[in-house]
Amino acid sequence: MDYPVSADENGVNLKPEKMEKEKLYHCIFKNKAMLVFKDSQDVLNCYEIEQEDLVEKIRKASNEDDLEKLLEDYLKGQNLKN
């Protein structure tokens, strides 16, 4: 299956018909990480991350499981700082 989220010089390209529900997808566009998922009601949710160190970690994530764990660990760390 083609990856449903990609980026080129024109912007971010989405193929929602190829997305699984409740699965996180990502791409990097202009040094920003774009996170996208389709929820159980087929609504697309998109988040943009600009924080450089987090974008670099997302860029290096080798698969979706690594990405989800990275984001969970990051959020846990942020909760400790508050």
C-alpha atoms as a PDB file:
ATOM      1  CA  MET A   1       0.000   0.000   0.000  1.00  0.00           C
ATOM      2  CA  ASP A   2       1.235   3.501  -0.825  1.00  0.00           C
ATOM      3  CA  TYR A   3       1.881   5.684   2.185  1.00  0.00           C
ATOM      4  CA  PRO A   4      -1.112   8.063   2.313  1.00  0.00           C
ATOM      5  CA  VAL A   5       0.779  11.149   3.544  1.00  0.00           C
ATOM      6  CA  SER A   6       3.641  12.780   1.654  1.00  0.00           C
ATOM      7  CA  ALA A   7       5.139  16.189   0.999  1.00  0.00           C
ATOM      8  CA  ASP A   8       6.722  17.861  -1.997  1.00  0.00           C
ATOM      9  CA  GLU A   9       7.590  21.445  -2.956  1.00  0.00           C
ATOM     10  CA  ASN A  10       3.862  22.228  -3.360  1.00  0.00           C
ATOM     11  CA  GLY A  11       2.833  21.134   0.127  1.00  0.00           C
ATOM     12  CA  VAL A  12       1.468  18.151   1.990  1.00  0.00           C
ATOM     13  CA  ASN A  13      -0.423  15.531  -0.007  1.00  0.00           C
ATOM     14  CA  LEU A  14      -3.089  13.378   1.644  1.00  0.00           C
ATOM     15  CA  LYS A  15      -4.841  10.263   0.374  1.00  0.00           C
ATOM     16  CA  PRO A  16      -7.510   9.703   3.050  1.00  0.00           C
ATOM     17  CA  GLU A  17      -9.046   6.823   1.126  1.00  0.00           C
ATOM     18  CA  LYS A  18      -5.832   4.863   1.769  1.00  0.00           C
ATOM     19  CA  MET A  19      -5.712   5.646   5.498  1.00  0.00           C
ATOM     20  CA  GLU A  20      -6.656   3.162   8.187  1.00  0.00           C
ATOM     21  CA  LYS A  21      -8.850   4.538  10.936  1.00  0.00           C
ATOM     22  CA  GLU A  22      -7.094   5.460  14.205  1.00  0.00           C
ATOM     23  CA  LYS A  23      -3.612   5.009  12.716  1.00  0.00           C
ATOM     24  CA  LEU A  24      -1.058   7.816  12.949  1.00  0.00           C
ATOM     25  CA  TYR A  25       0.721   8.967   9.780  1.00  0.00           C
ATOM     26  CA  HIS A  26       3.415  11.579   9.372  1.00  0.00           C
ATOM     27  CA  CYS A  27       5.615  13.474   6.956  1.00  0.00           C
ATOM     28  CA  ILE A  28       8.131  16.312   7.145  1.00  0.00           C
ATOM     29  CA  PHE A  29       7.428  19.539   5.258  1.00  0.00           C
ATOM     30  CA  LYS A  30       9.615  22.659   5.489  1.00  0.00           C
ATOM     31  CA  ASN A  31      11.238  21.487   8.739  1.00  0.00           C
ATOM     32  CA  LYS A  32       7.865  20.834  10.343  1.00  0.00           C
ATOM     33  CA  ALA A  33       6.418  17.467  11.232  1.00  0.00           C
ATOM     34  CA  MET A  34       2.874  16.915  10.063  1.00  0.00           C
ATOM     35  CA  LEU A  35       0.924  14.273  11.996  1.00  0.00           C
ATOM     36  CA  VAL A  36      -2.329  13.016  10.492  1.00  0.00           C
ATOM     37  CA  PHE A  37      -4.898  10.417  11.464  1.00  0.00           C
ATOM     38  CA  LYS A  38      -8.420   9.491  10.479  1.00  0.00           C
ATOM     39  CA  ASP A  39     -10.686   8.909  13.458  1.00  0.00           C
ATOM     40  CA  SER A  40     -13.475   6.354  13.830  1.00  0.00           C
ATOM     41  CA  GLN A  41     -15.941   8.776  12.193  1.00  0.00           C
ATOM     42  CA  ASP A  42     -13.674   9.310   9.132  1.00  0.00           C
ATOM     43  CA  VAL A  43     -12.716  12.822  10.250  1.00  0.00           C
ATOM     44  CA  LEU A  44      -9.124  13.780   9.404  1.00  0.00           C
ATOM     45  CA  ASN A  45      -7.089  15.272  12.220  1.00  0.00           C
ATOM     46  CA  CYS A  46      -3.843  17.072  11.436  1.00  0.00           C
ATOM     47  CA  TYR A  47      -1.200  18.477  13.773  1.00  0.00           C
ATOM     48  CA  GLU A  48       1.860  20.537  12.905  1.00  0.00           C
ATOM     49  CA  ILE A  49       4.986  20.339  15.066  1.00  0.00           C
ATOM     50  CA  GLU A  50       7.674  23.017  14.740  1.00  0.00           C
ATOM     51  CA  GLN A  51       9.896  22.218  17.732  1.00  0.00           C
ATOM     52  CA  GLU A  52      13.247  21.418  16.071  1.00  0.00           C
ATOM     53  CA  ASP A  53      14.466  18.651  18.397  1.00  0.00           C
ATOM     54  CA  LEU A  54      11.121  16.840  18.243  1.00  0.00           C
ATOM     55  CA  VAL A  55      10.910  17.206  14.449  1.00  0.00           C
ATOM     56  CA  GLU A  56      14.375  15.646  14.135  1.00  0.00           C
ATOM     57  CA  LYS A  57      13.360  12.706  16.328  1.00  0.00           C
ATOM     58  CA  ILE A  58      10.214  12.214  14.232  1.00  0.00           C
ATOM     59  CA  ARG A  59      12.307  12.365  11.052  1.00  0.00           C
ATOM     60  CA  LYS A  60      14.460   9.500  12.395  1.00  0.00           C
ATOM     61  CA  ALA A  61      11.538   7.303  13.498  1.00  0.00           C
ATOM     62  CA  SER A  62      11.791   4.111  11.484  1.00  0.00           C
ATOM     63  CA  ASN A  63       8.152   3.030  11.739  1.00  0.00           C
ATOM     64  CA  GLU A  64       4.767   4.045  13.142  1.00  0.00           C
ATOM     65  CA  ASP A  65       5.272   2.141  16.404  1.00  0.00           C
ATOM     66  CA  ASP A  66       8.507   4.053  17.029  1.00  0.00           C
ATOM     67  CA  LEU A  67       6.718   7.308  16.240  1.00  0.00           C
ATOM     68  CA  GLU A  68       3.879   6.636  18.660  1.00  0.00           C
ATOM     69  CA  LYS A  69       6.293   5.642  21.448  1.00  0.00           C
ATOM     70  CA  LEU A  70       8.419   8.730  20.802  1.00  0.00           C
ATOM     71  CA  LEU A  71       5.365  10.991  21.080  1.00  0.00           C
ATOM     72  CA  GLU A  72       4.114   9.217  24.225  1.00  0.00           C
ATOM     73  CA  ASP A  73       7.534   9.604  25.866  1.00  0.00           C
ATOM     74  CA  TYR A  74       7.684  13.259  24.851  1.00  0.00           C
ATOM     75  CA  LEU A  75       4.248  13.988  26.313  1.00  0.00           C
ATOM     76  CA  LYS A  76       5.124  12.209  29.561  1.00  0.00           C
ATOM     77  CA  GLY A  77       8.256  14.357  29.799  1.00  0.00           C
ATOM     78  CA  GLN A  78       6.234  17.525  29.211  1.00  0.00           C
ATOM     79  CA  ASN A  79       3.808  16.566  31.990  1.00  0.00           C
ATOM     80  CA  LEU A  80       6.726  16.246  34.403  1.00  0.00           C
ATOM     81  CA  LYS A  81       7.860  19.788  33.571  1.00  0.00           C
ATOM     82  CA  ASN A  82       4.463  21.344  34.345  1.00  0.00           C
END
